[in-house]
Amino acid sequence: MPSPLLAAVSRLLPSEDRVLTWLRDPRPRERQEVTEQFSVVLREFDVVIGLPDAQPVAHALSRLRGTPMVVAAHNTRTGHWTLPPLQGELRSAVIVTHQLRSGLPELEVALLAAAHGCAVHSVAATLERTNDQGRSRLELQDIVVYAAVQLADTPEGLALERRFPQPDTTH
């Protein structure tokens, strides 16, 4: 059976505006598919750190894995990210983001978590824009990136990425 997630995104291409509108509020079935993909591929972690736009997926992942979740906050005045206190013995985390682009927000949140004694080993992105440097920036810090959908910017607009293997969603 074809992936509802890839089918939904494919129908929106090449329009960036349509993809971003969908990304703000995917259907429950598509959100569930993203969550299940992440649950299967992610190694064990103690806490889910959700970026603000990714809260529904982060919350679903934390429920599915039975781990706590915190939400990172972006201070628009200073431009910096903050984390609430990490309670208990939380030694490893996954960051959930709705769109991986530059990787700077995810890297700053990972550094904040490390300052609290919690190592971030993975970033799970609903959508990765492969023309941007996010994956490279994070992988240089030994943070593994998992993306449910990878999109490339082309002269005609957005397209499904063909340079990297897409996740097997036919199971």
N, C-alpha and C. Protein backbone atom coordinates (compact mmCIF):
# COMPACT_ATOMS: atom_id res chain seq x y z
N MET A 1 0.84 -1.17 0.00
CA MET A 1 0.00 0.00 0.00
C MET A 1 0.89 1.24 0.00
N PRO A 2 0.60 2.21 -0.87
CA PRO A 2 1.42 3.42 -0.91
C PRO A 2 1.28 4.22 0.38
N SER A 3 2.32 4.94 0.68
CA SER A 3 2.34 5.76 1.88
C SER A 3 1.38 6.94 1.75
N PRO A 4 0.44 7.09 2.70
CA PRO A 4 -0.44 8.27 2.67
C PRO A 4 0.34 9.57 2.80
N LEU A 5 1.42 9.52 3.55
CA LEU A 5 2.24 10.71 3.76
C LEU A 5 2.88 11.17 2.46
N LEU A 6 3.57 10.24 1.77
CA LEU A 6 4.23 10.62 0.51
C LEU A 6 3.20 10.99 -0.56
N ALA A 7 2.06 10.31 -0.56
CA ALA A 7 1.01 10.64 -1.51
C ALA A 7 0.48 12.05 -1.25
N ALA A 8 0.28 12.39 0.02
CA ALA A 8 -0.23 13.72 0.37
C ALA A 8 0.76 14.80 -0.05
N VAL A 9 2.03 14.59 0.24
CA VAL A 9 3.05 15.59 -0.10
C VAL A 9 3.21 15.68 -1.62
N SER A 10 3.20 14.55 -2.30
CA SER A 10 3.36 14.54 -3.77
C SER A 10 2.26 15.34 -4.46
N ARG A 11 1.04 15.28 -3.94
CA ARG A 11 -0.07 16.03 -4.54
C ARG A 11 0.15 17.55 -4.42
N LEU A 12 0.94 17.98 -3.47
CA LEU A 12 1.13 19.40 -3.22
C LEU A 12 2.29 20.00 -4.03
N LEU A 13 3.14 19.15 -4.55
CA LEU A 13 4.33 19.61 -5.26
C LEU A 13 3.94 20.16 -6.62
N PRO A 14 4.68 21.13 -7.11
CA PRO A 14 5.94 21.71 -6.64
C PRO A 14 5.77 22.94 -5.75
N SER A 15 4.56 23.23 -5.31
CA SER A 15 4.27 24.47 -4.59
C SER A 15 4.80 24.45 -3.15
N GLU A 16 5.73 25.33 -2.86
CA GLU A 16 6.25 25.44 -1.50
C GLU A 16 5.15 25.92 -0.54
N ASP A 17 4.34 26.87 -0.97
CA ASP A 17 3.27 27.39 -0.12
C ASP A 17 2.29 26.29 0.27
N ARG A 18 1.91 25.44 -0.67
CA ARG A 18 0.97 24.36 -0.36
C ARG A 18 1.60 23.35 0.59
N VAL A 19 2.88 23.05 0.41
CA VAL A 19 3.56 22.10 1.31
C VAL A 19 3.63 22.68 2.71
N LEU A 20 3.98 23.95 2.84
CA LEU A 20 4.09 24.57 4.16
C LEU A 20 2.73 24.67 4.85
N THR A 21 1.68 24.92 4.08
CA THR A 21 0.32 24.94 4.65
C THR A 21 -0.03 23.56 5.18
N TRP A 22 0.25 22.53 4.40
CA TRP A 22 -0.01 21.15 4.85
C TRP A 22 0.81 20.83 6.09
N LEU A 23 2.06 21.25 6.12
CA LEU A 23 2.96 20.93 7.22
C LEU A 23 2.45 21.49 8.54
N ARG A 24 1.77 22.61 8.50
CA ARG A 24 1.22 23.20 9.73
C ARG A 24 0.09 22.35 10.31
N ASP A 25 -0.60 21.57 9.46
CA ASP A 25 -1.72 20.78 9.97
C ASP A 25 -1.98 19.54 9.11
N PRO A 26 -1.09 18.55 9.19
CA PRO A 26 -1.33 17.32 8.42
C PRO A 26 -2.53 16.56 8.99
N ARG A 27 -3.09 15.69 8.18
CA ARG A 27 -4.21 14.85 8.64
C ARG A 27 -3.71 13.90 9.73
N PRO A 28 -4.62 13.48 10.61
CA PRO A 28 -4.22 12.57 11.70
C PRO A 28 -3.53 11.30 11.19
N ARG A 29 -4.02 10.74 10.09
CA ARG A 29 -3.39 9.51 9.55
C ARG A 29 -1.95 9.76 9.11
N GLU A 30 -1.71 10.92 8.50
CA GLU A 30 -0.36 11.27 8.06
C GLU A 30 0.55 11.52 9.26
N ARG A 31 0.01 12.22 10.27
CA ARG A 31 0.78 12.46 11.49
C ARG A 31 1.11 11.13 12.18
N GLN A 32 0.17 10.21 12.19
CA GLN A 32 0.40 8.90 12.80
C GLN A 32 1.49 8.14 12.05
N GLU A 33 1.48 8.23 10.72
CA GLU A 33 2.51 7.55 9.93
C GLU A 33 3.90 8.10 10.26
N VAL A 34 4.01 9.42 10.38
CA VAL A 34 5.29 10.04 10.74
C VAL A 34 5.74 9.52 12.10
N THR A 35 4.84 9.54 13.07
CA THR A 35 5.16 9.10 14.43
C THR A 35 5.61 7.64 14.45
N GLU A 36 4.90 6.79 13.74
CA GLU A 36 5.26 5.37 13.71
C GLU A 36 6.60 5.14 13.04
N GLN A 37 6.88 5.89 11.95
CA GLN A 37 8.19 5.78 11.31
C GLN A 37 9.30 6.12 12.30
N PHE A 38 9.12 7.22 13.01
CA PHE A 38 10.13 7.64 13.97
C PHE A 38 10.28 6.62 15.09
N SER A 39 9.19 6.09 15.57
CA SER A 39 9.25 5.13 16.67
C SER A 39 10.04 3.89 16.28
N VAL A 40 9.94 3.49 15.02
CA VAL A 40 10.64 2.29 14.55
C VAL A 40 12.14 2.54 14.40
N VAL A 41 12.54 3.69 13.85
CA VAL A 41 13.94 3.91 13.51
C VAL A 41 14.78 4.53 14.62
N LEU A 42 14.14 5.23 15.55
CA LEU A 42 14.91 5.92 16.58
C LEU A 42 15.42 4.95 17.64
N ARG A 43 16.67 5.15 18.06
CA ARG A 43 17.20 4.36 19.16
C ARG A 43 16.55 4.83 20.46
N GLU A 44 16.82 4.11 21.53
CA GLU A 44 16.22 4.44 22.83
C GLU A 44 16.60 5.85 23.26
N PHE A 45 15.66 6.53 23.90
CA PHE A 45 15.89 7.87 24.44
C PHE A 45 15.05 8.04 25.69
N ASP A 46 15.44 9.00 26.52
CA ASP A 46 14.75 9.25 27.78
C ASP A 46 13.71 10.35 27.71
N VAL A 47 13.85 11.26 26.75
CA VAL A 47 12.94 12.40 26.67
C VAL A 47 12.83 12.86 25.22
N VAL A 48 11.65 13.34 24.87
CA VAL A 48 11.41 13.95 23.56
C VAL A 48 11.44 15.46 23.77
N ILE A 49 12.24 16.15 22.97
CA ILE A 49 12.26 17.61 22.99
C ILE A 49 11.60 18.07 21.69
N GLY A 50 10.45 18.69 21.83
CA GLY A 50 9.72 19.15 20.66
C GLY A 50 9.97 20.62 20.39
N LEU A 51 10.21 20.95 19.14
CA LEU A 51 10.23 22.36 18.77
C LEU A 51 8.77 22.79 18.62
N PRO A 52 8.45 24.06 18.81
CA PRO A 52 7.05 24.49 18.91
C PRO A 52 6.13 24.00 17.79
N ASP A 53 6.55 24.09 16.55
CA ASP A 53 5.67 23.69 15.45
C ASP A 53 5.49 22.17 15.35
N ALA A 54 6.31 21.42 16.04
CA ALA A 54 6.27 19.96 15.96
C ALA A 54 5.62 19.32 17.18
N GLN A 55 4.94 20.10 17.99
CA GLN A 55 4.38 19.55 19.22
C GLN A 55 3.45 18.36 19.02
N PRO A 56 2.55 18.36 18.05
CA PRO A 56 1.67 17.19 17.91
C PRO A 56 2.44 15.89 17.65
N VAL A 57 3.43 15.92 16.78
CA VAL A 57 4.22 14.71 16.50
C VAL A 57 5.08 14.36 17.70
N ALA A 58 5.67 15.36 18.34
CA ALA A 58 6.51 15.10 19.52
C ALA A 58 5.67 14.48 20.64
N HIS A 59 4.48 15.00 20.85
CA HIS A 59 3.60 14.47 21.89
C HIS A 59 3.21 13.02 21.57
N ALA A 60 2.85 12.76 20.32
CA ALA A 60 2.46 11.40 19.92
C ALA A 60 3.64 10.43 20.08
N LEU A 61 4.84 10.88 19.73
CA LEU A 61 6.02 10.02 19.88
C LEU A 61 6.31 9.74 21.35
N SER A 62 6.17 10.74 22.19
CA SER A 62 6.43 10.52 23.62
C SER A 62 5.40 9.55 24.21
N ARG A 63 4.15 9.67 23.79
CA ARG A 63 3.12 8.72 24.25
C ARG A 63 3.42 7.31 23.75
N LEU A 64 3.78 7.19 22.49
CA LEU A 64 4.04 5.88 21.89
C LEU A 64 5.23 5.19 22.56
N ARG A 65 6.25 5.95 22.90
CA ARG A 65 7.45 5.39 23.52
C ARG A 65 7.39 5.41 25.05
N GLY A 66 6.39 6.08 25.64
CA GLY A 66 6.26 6.13 27.08
C GLY A 66 7.33 6.96 27.76
N THR A 67 7.73 8.05 27.11
CA THR A 67 8.76 8.93 27.66
C THR A 67 8.18 10.32 27.88
N PRO A 68 8.79 11.11 28.76
CA PRO A 68 8.32 12.49 28.92
C PRO A 68 8.66 13.34 27.71
N MET A 69 7.99 14.48 27.62
CA MET A 69 8.24 15.42 26.53
C MET A 69 8.35 16.82 27.11
N VAL A 70 9.28 17.59 26.59
CA VAL A 70 9.38 19.01 26.90
C VAL A 70 9.36 19.77 25.58
N VAL A 71 8.99 21.02 25.65
CA VAL A 71 8.94 21.86 24.46
C VAL A 71 9.97 22.97 24.58
N ALA A 72 10.82 23.07 23.60
CA ALA A 72 11.79 24.17 23.55
C ALA A 72 11.04 25.43 23.15
N ALA A 73 11.47 26.55 23.67
CA ALA A 73 10.82 27.82 23.35
C ALA A 73 11.82 28.76 22.68
N HIS A 74 11.33 29.50 21.70
CA HIS A 74 12.17 30.47 21.00
C HIS A 74 11.81 31.86 21.47
N ASN A 75 12.81 32.58 21.99
CA ASN A 75 12.61 33.95 22.44
C ASN A 75 12.81 34.86 21.24
N THR A 76 11.74 35.44 20.75
CA THR A 76 11.84 36.28 19.55
C THR A 76 12.60 37.57 19.81
N ARG A 77 12.64 38.01 21.06
CA ARG A 77 13.37 39.24 21.39
C ARG A 77 14.88 39.03 21.29
N THR A 78 15.37 37.92 21.86
CA THR A 78 16.81 37.66 21.86
C THR A 78 17.25 36.77 20.70
N GLY A 79 16.31 36.01 20.14
CA GLY A 79 16.66 35.09 19.06
C GLY A 79 17.20 33.76 19.56
N HIS A 80 17.21 33.56 20.88
CA HIS A 80 17.76 32.33 21.45
C HIS A 80 16.65 31.35 21.84
N TRP A 81 17.05 30.12 21.99
CA TRP A 81 16.14 29.05 22.41
C TRP A 81 16.33 28.78 23.89
N THR A 82 15.27 28.31 24.55
CA THR A 82 15.35 27.92 25.95
C THR A 82 14.68 26.56 26.12
N LEU A 83 15.08 25.88 27.17
CA LEU A 83 14.48 24.60 27.54
C LEU A 83 13.97 24.69 28.96
N PRO A 84 12.83 24.09 29.25
CA PRO A 84 12.42 24.00 30.65
C PRO A 84 13.37 23.05 31.38
N PRO A 85 13.39 23.06 32.70
CA PRO A 85 14.26 22.14 33.43
C PRO A 85 13.94 20.68 33.06
N LEU A 86 14.97 19.91 32.90
CA LEU A 86 14.80 18.48 32.60
C LEU A 86 14.82 17.75 33.93
N GLN A 87 13.68 17.17 34.29
CA GLN A 87 13.51 16.52 35.58
C GLN A 87 13.97 15.06 35.53
N GLY A 88 14.57 14.60 36.60
CA GLY A 88 14.93 13.19 36.73
C GLY A 88 16.21 12.83 36.01
N GLU A 89 16.35 11.55 35.76
CA GLU A 89 17.55 11.00 35.12
C GLU A 89 17.37 10.94 33.62
N LEU A 90 17.33 12.07 32.99
CA LEU A 90 17.15 12.14 31.54
C LEU A 90 18.52 12.34 30.90
N ARG A 91 19.06 11.27 30.36
CA ARG A 91 20.43 11.31 29.83
C ARG A 91 20.49 11.37 28.31
N SER A 92 19.40 10.99 27.64
CA SER A 92 19.42 11.02 26.17
C SER A 92 18.09 11.54 25.65
N ALA A 93 18.17 12.24 24.52
CA ALA A 93 16.97 12.88 23.97
C ALA A 93 16.94 12.77 22.46
N VAL A 94 15.74 12.94 21.94
CA VAL A 94 15.52 13.14 20.51
C VAL A 94 14.82 14.48 20.36
N ILE A 95 15.24 15.24 19.37
CA ILE A 95 14.57 16.50 19.05
C ILE A 95 13.63 16.23 17.88
N VAL A 96 12.39 16.70 18.02
CA VAL A 96 11.41 16.55 16.94
C VAL A 96 11.14 17.93 16.37
N THR A 97 11.30 18.05 15.05
CA THR A 97 11.07 19.31 14.36
C THR A 97 10.17 19.06 13.16
N HIS A 98 9.41 20.06 12.78
CA HIS A 98 8.52 19.85 11.63
C HIS A 98 9.24 20.04 10.31
N GLN A 99 10.26 20.90 10.26
CA GLN A 99 10.99 21.13 9.02
C GLN A 99 12.46 21.40 9.33
N LEU A 100 13.33 20.55 8.82
CA LEU A 100 14.77 20.75 9.00
C LEU A 100 15.30 21.53 7.82
N ARG A 101 15.85 22.69 8.11
CA ARG A 101 16.45 23.52 7.07
C ARG A 101 17.91 23.76 7.41
N SER A 102 18.22 24.84 8.13
CA SER A 102 19.61 25.17 8.44
C SER A 102 20.19 24.29 9.54
N GLY A 103 19.33 23.76 10.40
CA GLY A 103 19.80 22.95 11.53
C GLY A 103 20.23 23.78 12.72
N LEU A 104 20.22 25.10 12.60
CA LEU A 104 20.67 25.94 13.71
C LEU A 104 19.75 25.87 14.92
N PRO A 105 18.43 25.92 14.76
CA PRO A 105 17.58 25.79 15.96
C PRO A 105 17.79 24.44 16.66
N GLU A 106 17.86 23.38 15.87
CA GLU A 106 18.04 22.05 16.44
C GLU A 106 19.39 21.93 17.14
N LEU A 107 20.43 22.52 16.55
CA LEU A 107 21.76 22.49 17.16
C LEU A 107 21.78 23.28 18.47
N GLU A 108 21.16 24.46 18.49
CA GLU A 108 21.13 25.25 19.72
C GLU A 108 20.38 24.50 20.83
N VAL A 109 19.27 23.86 20.49
CA VAL A 109 18.51 23.10 21.48
C VAL A 109 19.33 21.90 21.96
N ALA A 110 20.05 21.25 21.06
CA ALA A 110 20.91 20.12 21.45
C ALA A 110 21.99 20.58 22.43
N LEU A 111 22.56 21.75 22.19
CA LEU A 111 23.58 22.28 23.09
C LEU A 111 22.99 22.63 24.45
N LEU A 112 21.77 23.16 24.46
CA LEU A 112 21.09 23.45 25.73
C LEU A 112 20.84 22.15 26.51
N ALA A 113 20.39 21.13 25.81
CA ALA A 113 20.14 19.84 26.46
C ALA A 113 21.45 19.29 27.04
N ALA A 114 22.54 19.40 26.29
CA ALA A 114 23.84 18.91 26.77
C ALA A 114 24.26 19.67 28.02
N ALA A 115 23.95 20.96 28.09
CA ALA A 115 24.28 21.74 29.28
C ALA A 115 23.50 21.25 30.50
N HIS A 116 22.37 20.59 30.27
CA HIS A 116 21.57 20.00 31.35
C HIS A 116 21.94 18.52 31.58
N GLY A 117 23.01 18.06 30.92
CA GLY A 117 23.44 16.67 31.09
C GLY A 117 22.69 15.66 30.25
N CYS A 118 22.01 16.12 29.23
CA CYS A 118 21.19 15.25 28.39
C CYS A 118 21.72 15.32 26.95
N ALA A 119 22.23 14.21 26.46
CA ALA A 119 22.80 14.16 25.11
C ALA A 119 21.71 13.93 24.07
N VAL A 120 21.75 14.71 23.00
CA VAL A 120 20.84 14.52 21.88
C VAL A 120 21.57 13.68 20.84
N HIS A 121 21.01 12.51 20.55
CA HIS A 121 21.62 11.61 19.58
C HIS A 121 20.92 11.66 18.23
N SER A 122 19.67 12.18 18.20
CA SER A 122 18.89 12.15 16.97
C SER A 122 18.01 13.38 16.84
N VAL A 123 17.76 13.75 15.59
CA VAL A 123 16.75 14.73 15.25
C VAL A 123 15.79 14.05 14.30
N ALA A 124 14.49 14.14 14.59
CA ALA A 124 13.46 13.56 13.75
C ALA A 124 12.68 14.71 13.12
N ALA A 125 12.72 14.78 11.80
CA ALA A 125 12.07 15.87 11.07
C ALA A 125 10.95 15.32 10.20
N THR A 126 9.78 15.92 10.30
CA THR A 126 8.70 15.51 9.40
C THR A 126 9.11 15.76 7.97
N LEU A 127 9.77 16.90 7.73
CA LEU A 127 10.18 17.29 6.40
C LEU A 127 11.61 17.81 6.45
N GLU A 128 12.44 17.33 5.53
CA GLU A 128 13.81 17.84 5.43
C GLU A 128 13.98 18.50 4.08
N ARG A 129 14.50 19.71 4.09
CA ARG A 129 14.84 20.41 2.86
C ARG A 129 16.30 20.11 2.58
N THR A 130 16.55 19.26 1.61
CA THR A 130 17.90 18.72 1.40
C THR A 130 18.88 19.70 0.80
N ASN A 131 18.42 20.80 0.22
CA ASN A 131 19.35 21.79 -0.31
C ASN A 131 19.99 22.62 0.80
N ASP A 132 19.39 22.61 1.97
CA ASP A 132 19.92 23.38 3.09
C ASP A 132 20.95 22.53 3.85
N GLN A 133 21.62 23.16 4.79
CA GLN A 133 22.76 22.52 5.47
C GLN A 133 22.42 21.83 6.78
N GLY A 134 21.16 21.68 7.11
CA GLY A 134 20.77 21.13 8.40
C GLY A 134 21.36 19.76 8.70
N ARG A 135 21.22 18.83 7.77
CA ARG A 135 21.73 17.48 8.00
C ARG A 135 23.24 17.49 8.23
N SER A 136 23.96 18.18 7.37
CA SER A 136 25.43 18.23 7.51
C SER A 136 25.84 18.85 8.84
N ARG A 137 25.21 19.95 9.18
CA ARG A 137 25.54 20.65 10.43
C ARG A 137 25.33 19.74 11.64
N LEU A 138 24.23 18.99 11.66
CA LEU A 138 23.93 18.11 12.79
C LEU A 138 24.80 16.86 12.79
N GLU A 139 24.99 16.27 11.62
CA GLU A 139 25.80 15.05 11.56
C GLU A 139 27.26 15.31 11.95
N LEU A 140 27.75 16.53 11.73
CA LEU A 140 29.10 16.87 12.18
C LEU A 140 29.20 16.86 13.70
N GLN A 141 28.07 16.93 14.38
CA GLN A 141 28.02 16.87 15.84
C GLN A 141 27.61 15.48 16.33
N ASP A 142 27.68 14.49 15.47
CA ASP A 142 27.27 13.10 15.77
C ASP A 142 25.80 12.99 16.13
N ILE A 143 24.98 13.82 15.53
CA ILE A 143 23.53 13.74 15.70
C ILE A 143 22.96 13.15 14.41
N VAL A 144 22.25 12.04 14.54
CA VAL A 144 21.68 11.36 13.39
C VAL A 144 20.35 12.02 13.04
N VAL A 145 20.14 12.25 11.75
CA VAL A 145 18.91 12.88 11.28
C VAL A 145 18.02 11.83 10.62
N TYR A 146 16.76 11.81 11.04
CA TYR A 146 15.74 10.97 10.41
C TYR A 146 14.68 11.91 9.85
N ALA A 147 14.37 11.75 8.58
CA ALA A 147 13.35 12.59 7.95
C ALA A 147 12.27 11.70 7.34
N ALA A 148 11.02 12.02 7.63
CA ALA A 148 9.91 11.27 7.05
C ALA A 148 9.80 11.55 5.56
N VAL A 149 10.03 12.81 5.17
CA VAL A 149 9.98 13.20 3.77
C VAL A 149 11.16 14.12 3.50
N GLN A 150 11.84 13.87 2.37
CA GLN A 150 12.94 14.73 1.96
C GLN A 150 12.53 15.44 0.68
N LEU A 151 12.64 16.77 0.69
CA LEU A 151 12.30 17.57 -0.48
C LEU A 151 13.50 18.37 -0.94
N ALA A 152 13.64 18.46 -2.26
CA ALA A 152 14.71 19.25 -2.86
C ALA A 152 14.11 20.48 -3.52
N ASP A 153 14.84 21.58 -3.43
CA ASP A 153 14.46 22.79 -4.15
C ASP A 153 15.00 22.67 -5.56
N THR A 154 14.14 22.83 -6.55
CA THR A 154 14.55 22.77 -7.95
C THR A 154 14.10 24.07 -8.64
N PRO A 155 14.57 24.34 -9.84
CA PRO A 155 14.11 25.54 -10.54
C PRO A 155 12.59 25.55 -10.77
N GLU A 156 11.97 24.39 -10.82
CA GLU A 156 10.52 24.29 -11.03
C GLU A 156 9.74 24.35 -9.73
N GLY A 157 10.42 24.34 -8.59
CA GLY A 157 9.76 24.30 -7.28
C GLY A 157 10.25 23.10 -6.50
N LEU A 158 9.49 22.69 -5.50
CA LEU A 158 9.90 21.56 -4.66
C LEU A 158 9.63 20.24 -5.38
N ALA A 159 10.50 19.26 -5.10
CA ALA A 159 10.35 17.91 -5.65
C ALA A 159 10.81 16.91 -4.61
N LEU A 160 10.26 15.70 -4.67
CA LEU A 160 10.74 14.65 -3.78
C LEU A 160 12.21 14.41 -4.08
N GLU A 161 13.01 14.32 -3.04
CA GLU A 161 14.45 14.11 -3.18
C GLU A 161 14.71 12.74 -3.79
N ARG A 162 15.58 12.71 -4.79
CA ARG A 162 15.94 11.44 -5.44
C ARG A 162 17.38 11.05 -5.20
N ARG A 163 18.18 11.96 -4.62
CA ARG A 163 19.60 11.67 -4.42
C ARG A 163 19.84 10.78 -3.22
N PHE A 164 18.89 10.73 -2.28
CA PHE A 164 19.03 9.94 -1.08
C PHE A 164 17.91 8.92 -1.04
N PRO A 165 18.13 7.80 -0.41
CA PRO A 165 17.05 6.82 -0.31
C PRO A 165 15.87 7.39 0.50
N GLN A 166 14.67 7.15 0.01
CA GLN A 166 13.46 7.53 0.74
C GLN A 166 13.14 6.40 1.73
N PRO A 167 12.49 6.73 2.83
CA PRO A 167 12.13 5.68 3.78
C PRO A 167 11.16 4.69 3.14
N ASP A 168 11.32 3.42 3.51
CA ASP A 168 10.42 2.38 3.01
C ASP A 168 9.12 2.47 3.79
N THR A 169 8.08 2.95 3.14
CA THR A 169 6.81 3.12 3.84
C THR A 169 5.74 2.18 3.26
N THR A 170 6.16 1.10 2.64
CA THR A 170 5.20 0.18 2.02
C THR A 170 4.79 -0.95 2.95
N HIS A 171 5.33 -0.98 4.19
CA HIS A 171 4.98 -2.08 5.08
C HIS A 171 3.67 -1.88 5.75
